Amino acid sequence: DEICAASPHIKLIDKQTQDAIALQYDHAAELKALRLGTSDPGWATYF
């Protein structure tokens, strides 16, 4: 955990992961999917 918190390489990987998600789902769409959960017809695709 200490190495992951301090490593710029891990931070970059985390940022790339966040950016990849944001390409498909902006912040509002993510919040909506999380708020509605499995009752949202698009939940499985999002998840």
PDB file of all heavy atoms in Angstrom:
ATOM      1  N   ASP A   1       0.823  -1.212   0.000  1.00  0.00           N
ATOM      2  CA  ASP A   1       0.000   0.000   0.000  1.00  0.00           C
ATOM      3  C   ASP A   1       0.858   1.263   0.000  1.00  0.00           C
ATOM      4  O   ASP A   1       0.531   2.232  -0.697  1.00  0.00           O
ATOM      5  CB  ASP A   1      -0.946   0.003   1.200  1.00  0.00           C
ATOM      6  CG  ASP A   1      -2.003  -1.098   1.114  1.00  0.00           C
ATOM      7  OD1 ASP A   1      -2.158  -1.707   0.030  1.00  0.00           O
ATOM      8  OD2 ASP A   1      -2.660  -1.348   2.144  1.00  0.00           O
ATOM      9  N   GLU A   2       1.969   1.256   0.752  1.00  0.00           N
ATOM     10  CA  GLU A   2       2.860   2.416   0.787  1.00  0.00           C
ATOM     11  C   GLU A   2       3.490   2.664  -0.583  1.00  0.00           C
ATOM     12  O   GLU A   2       3.557   3.807  -1.043  1.00  0.00           O
ATOM     13  CB  GLU A   2       3.977   2.212   1.814  1.00  0.00           C
ATOM     14  CG  GLU A   2       3.571   2.447   3.240  1.00  0.00           C
ATOM     15  CD  GLU A   2       4.779   2.366   4.160  1.00  0.00           C
ATOM     16  OE1 GLU A   2       5.519   3.365   4.242  1.00  0.00           O
ATOM     17  OE2 GLU A   2       4.979   1.294   4.762  1.00  0.00           O
ATOM     18  N   ILE A   3       3.963   1.603  -1.217  1.00  0.00           N
ATOM     19  CA  ILE A   3       4.580   1.739  -2.541  1.00  0.00           C
ATOM     20  C   ILE A   3       3.551   2.248  -3.542  1.00  0.00           C
ATOM     21  O   ILE A   3       3.822   3.167  -4.321  1.00  0.00           O
ATOM     22  CB  ILE A   3       5.220   0.420  -3.002  1.00  0.00           C
ATOM     23  CG1 ILE A   3       6.449   0.107  -2.138  1.00  0.00           C
ATOM     24  CG2 ILE A   3       5.599   0.483  -4.481  1.00  0.00           C
ATOM     25  CD1 ILE A   3       7.051  -1.268  -2.389  1.00  0.00           C
ATOM     26  N   CYS A   4       2.358   1.664  -3.519  1.00  0.00           N
ATOM     27  CA  CYS A   4       1.315   2.099  -4.453  1.00  0.00           C
ATOM     28  C   CYS A   4       0.941   3.565  -4.247  1.00  0.00           C
ATOM     29  O   CYS A   4       0.728   4.302  -5.212  1.00  0.00           O
ATOM     30  CB  CYS A   4       0.079   1.209  -4.323  1.00  0.00           C
ATOM     31  SG  CYS A   4       0.295  -0.430  -5.035  1.00  0.00           S
ATOM     32  N   ALA A   5       0.894   4.004  -2.994  1.00  0.00           N
ATOM     33  CA  ALA A   5       0.538   5.394  -2.702  1.00  0.00           C
ATOM     34  C   ALA A   5       1.631   6.366  -3.146  1.00  0.00           C
ATOM     35  O   ALA A   5       1.340   7.501  -3.520  1.00  0.00           O
ATOM     36  CB  ALA A   5       0.261   5.562  -1.210  1.00  0.00           C
ATOM     37  N   ALA A   6       2.889   5.922  -3.135  1.00  0.00           N
ATOM     38  CA  ALA A   6       4.007   6.810  -3.456  1.00  0.00           C
ATOM     39  C   ALA A   6       4.460   6.734  -4.907  1.00  0.00           C
ATOM     40  O   ALA A   6       5.127   7.648  -5.398  1.00  0.00           O
ATOM     41  CB  ALA A   6       5.197   6.492  -2.543  1.00  0.00           C
ATOM     42  N   SER A   7       4.117   5.666  -5.612  1.00  0.00           N
ATOM     43  CA  SER A   7       4.651   5.449  -6.951  1.00  0.00           C
ATOM     44  C   SER A   7       3.937   6.282  -8.016  1.00  0.00           C
ATOM     45  O   SER A   7       2.721   6.164  -8.203  1.00  0.00           O
ATOM     46  CB  SER A   7       4.533   3.971  -7.330  1.00  0.00           C
ATOM     47  OG  SER A   7       4.931   3.793  -8.680  1.00  0.00           O
ATOM     48  N   PRO A   8       4.683   7.098  -8.760  1.00  0.00           N
ATOM     49  CA  PRO A   8       4.056   7.838  -9.851  1.00  0.00           C
ATOM     50  C   PRO A   8       3.547   6.910 -10.957  1.00  0.00           C
ATOM     51  O   PRO A   8       2.601   7.245 -11.666  1.00  0.00           O
ATOM     52  CB  PRO A   8       5.167   8.759 -10.365  1.00  0.00           C
ATOM     53  CG  PRO A   8       6.441   8.177  -9.863  1.00  0.00           C
ATOM     54  CD  PRO A   8       6.110   7.409  -8.631  1.00  0.00           C
ATOM     55  N   HIS A   9       4.143   5.736 -11.077  1.00  0.00           N
ATOM     56  CA  HIS A   9       3.699   4.779 -12.096  1.00  0.00           C
ATOM     57  C   HIS A   9       2.318   4.227 -11.754  1.00  0.00           C
ATOM     58  O   HIS A   9       1.473   4.086 -12.637  1.00  0.00           O
ATOM     59  CB  HIS A   9       4.707   3.643 -12.243  1.00  0.00           C
ATOM     60  CG  HIS A   9       6.072   4.139 -12.579  1.00  0.00           C
ATOM     61  ND1 HIS A   9       6.429   4.594 -13.828  1.00  0.00           N
ATOM     62  CD2 HIS A   9       7.174   4.306 -11.813  1.00  0.00           C
ATOM     63  CE1 HIS A   9       7.672   5.003 -13.825  1.00  0.00           C
ATOM     64  NE2 HIS A   9       8.161   4.840 -12.608  1.00  0.00           N
ATOM     65  N   ILE A  10       2.095   3.939 -10.489  1.00  0.00           N
ATOM     66  CA  ILE A  10       0.779   3.445 -10.057  1.00  0.00           C
ATOM     67  C   ILE A  10      -0.258   4.553 -10.198  1.00  0.00           C
ATOM     68  O   ILE A  10      -1.379   4.310 -10.650  1.00  0.00           O
ATOM     69  CB  ILE A  10       0.844   2.904  -8.617  1.00  0.00           C
ATOM     70  CG1 ILE A  10       1.810   1.721  -8.525  1.00  0.00           C
ATOM     71  CG2 ILE A  10      -0.546   2.523  -8.116  1.00  0.00           C
ATOM     72  CD1 ILE A  10       1.482   0.543  -9.421  1.00  0.00           C
ATOM     73  N   LYS A  11       0.122   5.765  -9.850  1.00  0.00           N
ATOM     74  CA  LYS A  11      -0.798   6.897 -10.011  1.00  0.00           C
ATOM     75  C   LYS A  11      -1.180   7.074 -11.470  1.00  0.00           C
ATOM     76  O   LYS A  11      -2.341   7.352 -11.789  1.00  0.00           O
ATOM     77  CB  LYS A  11      -0.173   8.173  -9.447  1.00  0.00           C
ATOM     78  CG  LYS A  11      -0.068   8.156  -7.936  1.00  0.00           C
ATOM     79  CD  LYS A  11       0.640   9.386  -7.403  1.00  0.00           C
ATOM     80  CE  LYS A  11       0.832   9.247  -5.895  1.00  0.00           C
ATOM     81  NZ  LYS A  11       1.622  10.311  -5.326  1.00  0.00           N
ATOM     82  N   LEU A  12      -0.213   6.896 -12.368  1.00  0.00           N
ATOM     83  CA  LEU A  12      -0.502   7.006 -13.793  1.00  0.00           C
ATOM     84  C   LEU A  12      -1.462   5.906 -14.246  1.00  0.00           C
ATOM     85  O   LEU A  12      -2.409   6.166 -14.991  1.00  0.00           O
ATOM     86  CB  LEU A  12       0.797   6.945 -14.609  1.00  0.00           C
ATOM     87  CG  LEU A  12       0.629   6.988 -16.124  1.00  0.00           C
ATOM     88  CD1 LEU A  12      -0.048   8.278 -16.577  1.00  0.00           C
ATOM     89  CD2 LEU A  12       1.983   6.830 -16.810  1.00  0.00           C
ATOM     90  N   ILE A  13      -1.231   4.692 -13.794  1.00  0.00           N
ATOM     91  CA  ILE A  13      -2.135   3.584 -14.155  1.00  0.00           C
ATOM     92  C   ILE A  13      -3.541   3.873 -13.637  1.00  0.00           C
ATOM     93  O   ILE A  13      -4.531   3.670 -14.352  1.00  0.00           O
ATOM     94  CB  ILE A  13      -1.603   2.241 -13.622  1.00  0.00           C
ATOM     95  CG1 ILE A  13      -0.311   1.857 -14.355  1.00  0.00           C
ATOM     96  CG2 ILE A  13      -2.659   1.137 -13.746  1.00  0.00           C
ATOM     97  CD1 ILE A  13       0.455   0.709 -13.719  1.00  0.00           C
ATOM     98  N   ASP A  14      -3.655   4.358 -12.408  1.00  0.00           N
ATOM     99  CA  ASP A  14      -4.972   4.696 -11.850  1.00  0.00           C
ATOM    100  C   ASP A  14      -5.643   5.787 -12.681  1.00  0.00           C
ATOM    101  O   ASP A  14      -6.843   5.714 -12.966  1.00  0.00           O
ATOM    102  CB  ASP A  14      -4.841   5.138 -10.392  1.00  0.00           C
ATOM    103  CG  ASP A  14      -4.510   3.986  -9.448  1.00  0.00           C
ATOM    104  OD1 ASP A  14      -4.664   2.810  -9.843  1.00  0.00           O
ATOM    105  OD2 ASP A  14      -4.084   4.278  -8.308  1.00  0.00           O
ATOM    106  N   LYS A  15      -4.866   6.784 -13.101  1.00  0.00           N
ATOM    107  CA  LYS A  15      -5.413   7.872 -13.917  1.00  0.00           C
ATOM    108  C   LYS A  15      -5.860   7.351 -15.279  1.00  0.00           C
ATOM    109  O   LYS A  15      -6.932   7.724 -15.779  1.00  0.00           O
ATOM    110  CB  LYS A  15      -4.353   8.976 -14.086  1.00  0.00           C
ATOM    111  CG  LYS A  15      -4.758  10.114 -14.988  1.00  0.00           C
ATOM    112  CD  LYS A  15      -5.661  11.087 -14.276  1.00  0.00           C
ATOM    113  CE  LYS A  15      -5.860  12.367 -15.083  1.00  0.00           C
ATOM    114  NZ  LYS A  15      -7.081  12.405 -15.830  1.00  0.00           N
ATOM    115  N   GLN A  16      -5.082   6.466 -15.877  1.00  0.00           N
ATOM    116  CA  GLN A  16      -5.464   5.875 -17.162  1.00  0.00           C
ATOM    117  C   GLN A  16      -6.762   5.081 -17.026  1.00  0.00           C
ATOM    118  O   GLN A  16      -7.615   5.109 -17.914  1.00  0.00           O
ATOM    119  CB  GLN A  16      -4.344   4.979 -17.687  1.00  0.00           C
ATOM    120  CG  GLN A  16      -3.119   5.735 -18.131  1.00  0.00           C
ATOM    121  CD  GLN A  16      -1.929   4.830 -18.419  1.00  0.00           C
ATOM    122  OE1 GLN A  16      -1.850   3.708 -17.933  1.00  0.00           O
ATOM    123  NE2 GLN A  16      -0.989   5.337 -19.198  1.00  0.00           N
ATOM    124  N   THR A  17      -6.905   4.384 -15.915  1.00  0.00           N
ATOM    125  CA  THR A  17      -8.131   3.616 -15.666  1.00  0.00           C
ATOM    126  C   THR A  17      -9.327   4.559 -15.536  1.00  0.00           C
ATOM    127  O   THR A  17     -10.378   4.333 -16.149  1.00  0.00           O
ATOM    128  CB  THR A  17      -7.981   2.747 -14.396  1.00  0.00           C
ATOM    129  OG1 THR A  17      -6.875   1.868 -14.570  1.00  0.00           O
ATOM    130  CG2 THR A  17      -9.239   1.939 -14.126  1.00  0.00           C
ATOM    131  N   GLN A  18      -9.159   5.622 -14.767  1.00  0.00           N
ATOM    132  CA  GLN A  18     -10.232   6.608 -14.604  1.00  0.00           C
ATOM    133  C   GLN A  18     -10.590   7.254 -15.936  1.00  0.00           C
ATOM    134  O   GLN A  18     -11.775   7.438 -16.247  1.00  0.00           O
ATOM    135  CB  GLN A  18      -9.814   7.680 -13.596  1.00  0.00           C
ATOM    136  CG  GLN A  18      -9.675   7.168 -12.192  1.00  0.00           C
ATOM    137  CD  GLN A  18      -8.954   8.152 -11.281  1.00  0.00           C
ATOM    138  OE1 GLN A  18      -8.578   9.257 -11.694  1.00  0.00           O
ATOM    139  NE2 GLN A  18      -8.740   7.760 -10.037  1.00  0.00           N
ATOM    140  N   ASP A  19      -9.570   7.587 -16.730  1.00  0.00           N
ATOM    141  CA  ASP A  19      -9.808   8.210 -18.031  1.00  0.00           C
ATOM    142  C   ASP A  19     -10.547   7.267 -18.974  1.00  0.00           C
ATOM    143  O   ASP A  19     -11.414   7.695 -19.745  1.00  0.00           O
ATOM    144  CB  ASP A  19      -8.496   8.667 -18.673  1.00  0.00           C
ATOM    145  CG  ASP A  19      -7.867   9.854 -17.960  1.00  0.00           C
ATOM    146  OD1 ASP A  19      -8.533  10.475 -17.102  1.00  0.00           O
ATOM    147  OD2 ASP A  19      -6.692  10.152 -18.254  1.00  0.00           O
ATOM    148  N   ALA A  20     -10.196   5.970 -18.917  1.00  0.00           N
ATOM    149  CA  ALA A  20     -10.873   4.991 -19.779  1.00  0.00           C
ATOM    150  C   ALA A  20     -12.358   4.900 -19.416  1.00  0.00           C
ATOM    151  O   ALA A  20     -13.218   4.825 -20.303  1.00  0.00           O
ATOM    152  CB  ALA A  20     -10.203   3.625 -19.655  1.00  0.00           C
ATOM    153  N   ILE A  21     -12.658   4.931 -18.137  1.00  0.00           N
ATOM    154  CA  ILE A  21     -14.065   4.888 -17.699  1.00  0.00           C
ATOM    155  C   ILE A  21     -14.770   6.168 -18.138  1.00  0.00           C
ATOM    156  O   ILE A  21     -15.894   6.122 -18.659  1.00  0.00           O
ATOM    157  CB  ILE A  21     -14.154   4.695 -16.171  1.00  0.00           C
ATOM    158  CG1 ILE A  21     -13.628   3.314 -15.788  1.00  0.00           C
ATOM    159  CG2 ILE A  21     -15.603   4.872 -15.687  1.00  0.00           C
ATOM    160  CD1 ILE A  21     -13.408   3.101 -14.299  1.00  0.00           C
ATOM    161  N   ALA A  22     -14.092   7.306 -17.978  1.00  0.00           N
ATOM    162  CA  ALA A  22     -14.694   8.595 -18.331  1.00  0.00           C
ATOM    163  C   ALA A  22     -14.957   8.730 -19.833  1.00  0.00           C
ATOM    164  O   ALA A  22     -15.828   9.507 -20.240  1.00  0.00           O
ATOM    165  CB  ALA A  22     -13.808   9.738 -17.852  1.00  0.00           C
ATOM    166  N   LEU A  23     -14.224   7.973 -20.649  1.00  0.00           N
ATOM    167  CA  LEU A  23     -14.495   8.003 -22.098  1.00  0.00           C
ATOM    168  C   LEU A  23     -15.908   7.521 -22.403  1.00  0.00           C
ATOM    169  O   LEU A  23     -16.542   7.977 -23.348  1.00  0.00           O
ATOM    170  CB  LEU A  23     -13.495   7.121 -22.848  1.00  0.00           C
ATOM    171  CG  LEU A  23     -12.102   7.688 -23.061  1.00  0.00           C
ATOM    172  CD1 LEU A  23     -11.185   6.633 -23.680  1.00  0.00           C
ATOM    173  CD2 LEU A  23     -12.156   8.931 -23.933  1.00  0.00           C
ATOM    174  N   GLN A  24     -16.389   6.590 -21.596  1.00  0.00           N
ATOM    175  CA  GLN A  24     -17.696   5.994 -21.832  1.00  0.00           C
ATOM    176  C   GLN A  24     -18.776   6.581 -20.915  1.00  0.00           C
ATOM    177  O   GLN A  24     -19.928   6.678 -21.314  1.00  0.00           O
ATOM    178  CB  GLN A  24     -17.585   4.479 -21.614  1.00  0.00           C
ATOM    179  CG  GLN A  24     -18.684   3.654 -22.196  1.00  0.00           C
ATOM    180  CD  GLN A  24     -18.640   3.608 -23.707  1.00  0.00           C
ATOM    181  OE1 GLN A  24     -17.618   3.845 -24.334  1.00  0.00           O
ATOM    182  NE2 GLN A  24     -19.762   3.329 -24.311  1.00  0.00           N
ATOM    183  N   TYR A  25     -18.381   6.944 -19.700  1.00  0.00           N
ATOM    184  CA  TYR A  25     -19.355   7.405 -18.701  1.00  0.00           C
ATOM    185  C   TYR A  25     -18.828   8.661 -18.012  1.00  0.00           C
ATOM    186  O   TYR A  25     -17.848   8.598 -17.285  1.00  0.00           O
ATOM    187  CB  TYR A  25     -19.598   6.322 -17.635  1.00  0.00           C
ATOM    188  CG  TYR A  25     -20.225   5.083 -18.195  1.00  0.00           C
ATOM    189  CD1 TYR A  25     -19.450   4.008 -18.615  1.00  0.00           C
ATOM    190  CD2 TYR A  25     -21.611   4.986 -18.327  1.00  0.00           C
ATOM    191  CE1 TYR A  25     -20.031   2.870 -19.148  1.00  0.00           C
ATOM    192  CE2 TYR A  25     -22.199   3.846 -18.857  1.00  0.00           C
ATOM    193  CZ  TYR A  25     -21.400   2.797 -19.272  1.00  0.00           C
ATOM    194  OH  TYR A  25     -21.977   1.672 -19.807  1.00  0.00           O
ATOM    195  N   ASP A  26     -19.503   9.785 -18.247  1.00  0.00           N
ATOM    196  CA  ASP A  26     -19.096  10.989 -17.524  1.00  0.00           C
ATOM    197  C   ASP A  26     -19.530  10.856 -16.064  1.00  0.00           C
ATOM    198  O   ASP A  26     -20.198   9.899 -15.674  1.00  0.00           O
ATOM    199  CB  ASP A  26     -19.637  12.260 -18.187  1.00  0.00           C
ATOM    200  CG  ASP A  26     -21.162  12.371 -18.145  1.00  0.00           C
ATOM    201  OD1 ASP A  26     -21.819  11.661 -17.350  1.00  0.00           O
ATOM    202  OD2 ASP A  26     -21.702  13.186 -18.911  1.00  0.00           O
ATOM    203  N   HIS A  27     -19.146  11.832 -15.262  1.00  0.00           N
ATOM    204  CA  HIS A  27     -19.389  11.775 -13.822  1.00  0.00           C
ATOM    205  C   HIS A  27     -20.885  11.592 -13.514  1.00  0.00           C
ATOM    206  O   HIS A  27     -21.266  10.762 -12.686  1.00  0.00           O
ATOM    207  CB  HIS A  27     -18.845  13.041 -13.158  1.00  0.00           C
ATOM    208  CG  HIS A  27     -18.851  13.009 -11.679  1.00  0.00           C
ATOM    209  ND1 HIS A  27     -18.038  12.182 -10.945  1.00  0.00           N
ATOM    210  CD2 HIS A  27     -19.603  13.698 -10.780  1.00  0.00           C
ATOM    211  CE1 HIS A  27     -18.276  12.365  -9.657  1.00  0.00           C
ATOM    212  NE2 HIS A  27     -19.211  13.279  -9.537  1.00  0.00           N
ATOM    213  N   ALA A  28     -21.731  12.354 -14.191  1.00  0.00           N
ATOM    214  CA  ALA A  28     -23.174  12.283 -13.941  1.00  0.00           C
ATOM    215  C   ALA A  28     -23.730  10.905 -14.308  1.00  0.00           C
ATOM    216  O   ALA A  28     -24.561  10.348 -13.576  1.00  0.00           O
ATOM    217  CB  ALA A  28     -23.892  13.375 -14.729  1.00  0.00           C
ATOM    218  N   ALA A  29     -23.260  10.342 -15.431  1.00  0.00           N
ATOM    219  CA  ALA A  29     -23.746   9.016 -15.847  1.00  0.00           C
ATOM    220  C   ALA A  29     -23.306   7.945 -14.857  1.00  0.00           C
ATOM    221  O   ALA A  29     -24.068   7.008 -14.560  1.00  0.00           O
ATOM    222  CB  ALA A  29     -23.239   8.691 -17.252  1.00  0.00           C
ATOM    223  N   GLU A  30     -22.094   8.088 -14.337  1.00  0.00           N
ATOM    224  CA  GLU A  30     -21.620   7.122 -13.342  1.00  0.00           C
ATOM    225  C   GLU A  30     -22.451   7.203 -12.066  1.00  0.00           C
ATOM    226  O   GLU A  30     -22.845   6.183 -11.509  1.00  0.00           O
ATOM    227  CB  GLU A  30     -20.148   7.366 -13.002  1.00  0.00           C
ATOM    228  CG  GLU A  30     -19.223   6.555 -13.852  1.00  0.00           C
ATOM    229  CD  GLU A  30     -17.938   6.268 -13.125  1.00  0.00           C
ATOM    230  OE1 GLU A  30     -17.065   7.147 -13.135  1.00  0.00           O
ATOM    231  OE2 GLU A  30     -17.806   5.166 -12.572  1.00  0.00           O
ATOM    232  N   LEU A  31     -22.683   8.425 -11.607  1.00  0.00           N
ATOM    233  CA  LEU A  31     -23.481   8.586 -10.385  1.00  0.00           C
ATOM    234  C   LEU A  31     -24.881   8.009 -10.570  1.00  0.00           C
ATOM    235  O   LEU A  31     -25.416   7.356  -9.673  1.00  0.00           O
ATOM    236  CB  LEU A  31     -23.551  10.056  -9.983  1.00  0.00           C
ATOM    237  CG  LEU A  31     -22.270  10.640  -9.403  1.00  0.00           C
ATOM    238  CD1 LEU A  31     -22.426  12.141  -9.157  1.00  0.00           C
ATOM    239  CD2 LEU A  31     -21.885   9.924  -8.123  1.00  0.00           C
ATOM    240  N   LYS A  32     -25.459   8.246 -11.737  1.00  0.00           N
ATOM    241  CA  LYS A  32     -26.792   7.709 -12.006  1.00  0.00           C
ATOM    242  C   LYS A  32     -26.766   6.186 -11.984  1.00  0.00           C
ATOM    243  O   LYS A  32     -27.627   5.552 -11.363  1.00  0.00           O
ATOM    244  CB  LYS A  32     -27.300   8.195 -13.360  1.00  0.00           C
ATOM    245  CG  LYS A  32     -28.666   7.640 -13.718  1.00  0.00           C
ATOM    246  CD  LYS A  32     -29.127   8.102 -15.084  1.00  0.00           C
ATOM    247  CE  LYS A  32     -30.444   7.450 -15.443  1.00  0.00           C
ATOM    248  NZ  LYS A  32     -30.834   7.721 -16.822  1.00  0.00           N
ATOM    249  N   ALA A  33     -25.784   5.587 -12.653  1.00  0.00           N
ATOM    250  CA  ALA A  33     -25.692   4.126 -12.687  1.00  0.00           C
ATOM    251  C   ALA A  33     -25.511   3.574 -11.273  1.00  0.00           C
ATOM    252  O   ALA A  33     -26.139   2.571 -10.905  1.00  0.00           O
ATOM    253  CB  ALA A  33     -24.538   3.690 -13.584  1.00  0.00           C
ATOM    254  N   LEU A  34     -24.681   4.221 -10.485  1.00  0.00           N
ATOM    255  CA  LEU A  34     -24.447   3.752  -9.115  1.00  0.00           C
ATOM    256  C   LEU A  34     -25.686   3.962  -8.242  1.00  0.00           C
ATOM    257  O   LEU A  34     -26.009   3.120  -7.398  1.00  0.00           O
ATOM    258  CB  LEU A  34     -23.235   4.452  -8.515  1.00  0.00           C
ATOM    259  CG  LEU A  34     -21.899   4.089  -9.158  1.00  0.00           C
ATOM    260  CD1 LEU A  34     -20.791   5.000  -8.658  1.00  0.00           C
ATOM    261  CD2 LEU A  34     -21.558   2.630  -8.915  1.00  0.00           C
ATOM    262  N   ARG A  35     -26.385   5.068  -8.445  1.00  0.00           N
ATOM    263  CA  ARG A  35     -27.577   5.358  -7.647  1.00  0.00           C
ATOM    264  C   ARG A  35     -28.702   4.376  -7.955  1.00  0.00           C
ATOM    265  O   ARG A  35     -29.365   3.863  -7.054  1.00  0.00           O
ATOM    266  CB  ARG A  35     -28.037   6.797  -7.916  1.00  0.00           C
ATOM    267  CG  ARG A  35     -29.211   7.238  -7.064  1.00  0.00           C
ATOM    268  CD  ARG A  35     -29.592   8.703  -7.287  1.00  0.00           C
ATOM    269  NE  ARG A  35     -29.923   8.997  -8.677  1.00  0.00           N
ATOM    270  CZ  ARG A  35     -29.184   9.733  -9.509  1.00  0.00           C
ATOM    271  NH1 ARG A  35     -28.044  10.257  -9.110  1.00  0.00           N
ATOM    272  NH2 ARG A  35     -29.565   9.950 -10.747  1.00  0.00           N
ATOM    273  N   LEU A  36     -28.883   4.078  -9.235  1.00  0.00           N
ATOM    274  CA  LEU A  36     -29.968   3.173  -9.622  1.00  0.00           C
ATOM    275  C   LEU A  36     -29.597   1.705  -9.471  1.00  0.00           C
ATOM    276  O   LEU A  36     -30.462   0.852  -9.314  1.00  0.00           O
ATOM    277  CB  LEU A  36     -30.407   3.464 -11.061  1.00  0.00           C
ATOM    278  CG  LEU A  36     -31.007   4.844 -11.301  1.00  0.00           C
ATOM    279  CD1 LEU A  36     -31.301   5.043 -12.783  1.00  0.00           C
ATOM    280  CD2 LEU A  36     -32.260   5.040 -10.463  1.00  0.00           C
ATOM    281  N   GLY A  37     -28.294   1.425  -9.568  1.00  0.00           N
ATOM    282  CA  GLY A  37     -27.840   0.040  -9.398  1.00  0.00           C
ATOM    283  C   GLY A  37     -28.483  -0.905 -10.386  1.00  0.00           C
ATOM    284  O   GLY A  37     -28.709  -0.567 -11.553  1.00  0.00           O
ATOM    285  N   THR A  38     -28.816  -2.085  -9.923  1.00  0.00           N
ATOM    286  CA  THR A  38     -29.336  -3.130 -10.811  1.00  0.00           C
ATOM    287  C   THR A  38     -30.717  -2.827 -11.368  1.00  0.00           C
ATOM    288  O   THR A  38     -31.163  -3.495 -12.295  1.00  0.00           O
ATOM    289  CB  THR A  38     -29.351  -4.487 -10.090  1.00  0.00           C
ATOM    290  OG1 THR A  38     -30.134  -4.365  -8.907  1.00  0.00           O
ATOM    291  CG2 THR A  38     -27.945  -4.950  -9.752  1.00  0.00           C
ATOM    292  N   SER A  39     -31.394  -1.802 -10.826  1.00  0.00           N
ATOM    293  CA  SER A  39     -32.700  -1.440 -11.389  1.00  0.00           C
ATOM    294  C   SER A  39     -32.552  -0.664 -12.697  1.00  0.00           C
ATOM    295  O   SER A  39     -33.523  -0.514 -13.442  1.00  0.00           O
ATOM    296  CB  SER A  39     -33.513  -0.620 -10.372  1.00  0.00           C
ATOM    297  OG  SER A  39     -32.889   0.628 -10.141  1.00  0.00           O
ATOM    298  N   ASP A  40     -31.348  -0.197 -12.986  1.00  0.00           N
ATOM    299  CA  ASP A  40     -31.073   0.525 -14.232  1.00  0.00           C
ATOM    300  C   ASP A  40     -30.864  -0.493 -15.345  1.00  0.00           C
ATOM    301  O   ASP A  40     -30.034  -1.393 -15.218  1.00  0.00           O
ATOM    302  CB  ASP A  40     -29.823   1.387 -14.051  1.00  0.00           C
ATOM    303  CG  ASP A  40     -29.463   2.201 -15.291  1.00  0.00           C
ATOM    304  OD1 ASP A  40     -30.122   2.063 -16.335  1.00  0.00           O
ATOM    305  OD2 ASP A  40     -28.495   2.986 -15.197  1.00  0.00           O
ATOM    306  N   PRO A  41     -31.597  -0.381 -16.462  1.00  0.00           N
ATOM    307  CA  PRO A  41     -31.419  -1.333 -17.558  1.00  0.00           C
ATOM    308  C   PRO A  41     -29.987  -1.340 -18.121  1.00  0.00           C
ATOM    309  O   PRO A  41     -29.530  -2.336 -18.663  1.00  0.00           O
ATOM    310  CB  PRO A  41     -32.411  -0.876 -18.631  1.00  0.00           C
ATOM    311  CG  PRO A  41     -33.259   0.173 -18.024  1.00  0.00           C
ATOM    312  CD  PRO A  41     -32.631   0.606 -16.738  1.00  0.00           C
ATOM    313  N   GLY A  42     -29.263  -0.241 -17.971  1.00  0.00           N
ATOM    314  CA  GLY A  42     -27.894  -0.177 -18.481  1.00  0.00           C
ATOM    315  C   GLY A  42     -26.849  -0.612 -17.457  1.00  0.00           C
ATOM    316  O   GLY A  42     -25.651  -0.527 -17.725  1.00  0.00           O
ATOM    317  N   TRP A  43     -27.304  -1.081 -16.299  1.00  0.00           N
ATOM    318  CA  TRP A  43     -26.374  -1.441 -15.221  1.00  0.00           C
ATOM    319  C   TRP A  43     -25.365  -2.501 -15.650  1.00  0.00           C
ATOM    320  O   TRP A  43     -24.166  -2.360 -15.408  1.00  0.00           O
ATOM    321  CB  TRP A  43     -27.133  -1.925 -13.984  1.00  0.00           C
ATOM    322  CG  TRP A  43     -26.223  -2.509 -12.954  1.00  0.00           C
ATOM    323  CD1 TRP A  43     -26.012  -3.828 -12.679  1.00  0.00           C
ATOM    324  CD2 TRP A  43     -25.345  -1.797 -12.079  1.00  0.00           C
ATOM    325  NE1 TRP A  43     -25.081  -3.980 -11.687  1.00  0.00           N
ATOM    326  CE2 TRP A  43     -24.649  -2.739 -11.301  1.00  0.00           C
ATOM    327  CE3 TRP A  43     -25.070  -0.451 -11.873  1.00  0.00           C
ATOM    328  CZ2 TRP A  43     -23.701  -2.378 -10.343  1.00  0.00           C
ATOM    329  CZ3 TRP A  43     -24.143  -0.094 -10.914  1.00  0.00           C
ATOM    330  CH2 TRP A  43     -23.467  -1.051 -10.158  1.00  0.00           C
ATOM    331  N   ALA A  44     -25.829  -3.549 -16.268  1.00  0.00           N
ATOM    332  CA  ALA A  44     -24.924  -4.653 -16.646  1.00  0.00           C
ATOM    333  C   ALA A  44     -23.844  -4.156 -17.604  1.00  0.00           C
ATOM    334  O   ALA A  44     -22.665  -4.514 -17.460  1.00  0.00           O
ATOM    335  CB  ALA A  44     -25.707  -5.807 -17.262  1.00  0.00           C
ATOM    336  N   THR A  45     -24.215  -3.310 -18.559  1.00  0.00           N
ATOM    337  CA  THR A  45     -23.248  -2.772 -19.507  1.00  0.00           C
ATOM    338  C   THR A  45     -22.236  -1.888 -18.781  1.00  0.00           C
ATOM    339  O   THR A  45     -21.020  -2.007 -18.995  1.00  0.00           O
ATOM    340  CB  THR A  45     -23.964  -1.953 -20.604  1.00  0.00           C
ATOM    341  OG1 THR A  45     -24.906  -2.800 -21.250  1.00  0.00           O
ATOM    342  CG2 THR A  45     -22.987  -1.407 -21.617  1.00  0.00           C
ATOM    343  N   TYR A  46     -22.742  -1.026 -17.906  1.00  0.00           N
ATOM    344  CA  TYR A  46     -21.862  -0.153 -17.124  1.00  0.00           C
ATOM    345  C   TYR A  46     -20.915  -0.995 -16.261  1.00  0.00           C
ATOM    346  O   TYR A  46     -19.700  -0.791 -16.277  1.00  0.00           O
ATOM    347  CB  TYR A  46     -22.701   0.775 -16.230  1.00  0.00           C
ATOM    348  CG  TYR A  46     -21.889   1.439 -15.145  1.00  0.00           C
ATOM    349  CD1 TYR A  46     -21.077   2.529 -15.437  1.00  0.00           C
ATOM    350  CD2 TYR A  46     -21.918   0.966 -13.834  1.00  0.00           C
ATOM    351  CE1 TYR A  46     -20.313   3.134 -14.443  1.00  0.00           C
ATOM    352  CE2 TYR A  46     -21.160   1.562 -12.839  1.00  0.00           C
ATOM    353  CZ  TYR A  46     -20.367   2.643 -13.151  1.00  0.00           C
ATOM    354  OH  TYR A  46     -19.608   3.228 -12.166  1.00  0.00           O
ATOM    355  N   PHE A  47     -21.463  -1.928 -15.527  1.00  0.00           N
ATOM    356  CA  PHE A  47     -20.668  -2.741 -14.606  1.00  0.00           C
ATOM    357  C   PHE A  47     -19.589  -3.525 -15.360  1.00  0.00           C
ATOM    358  O   PHE A  47     -18.443  -3.587 -14.931  1.00  0.00           O
ATOM    359  CB  PHE A  47     -21.584  -3.692 -13.820  1.00  0.00           C
ATOM    360  CG  PHE A  47     -20.848  -4.484 -12.795  1.00  0.00           C
ATOM    361  CD1 PHE A  47     -20.484  -3.920 -11.579  1.00  0.00           C
ATOM    362  CD2 PHE A  47     -20.498  -5.803 -13.040  1.00  0.00           C
ATOM    363  CE1 PHE A  47     -19.782  -4.651 -10.624  1.00  0.00           C
ATOM    364  CE2 PHE A  47     -19.797  -6.548 -12.090  1.00  0.00           C
ATOM    365  CZ  PHE A  47     -19.442  -5.963 -10.884  1.00  0.00           C
TER     366      PHE A  47
END
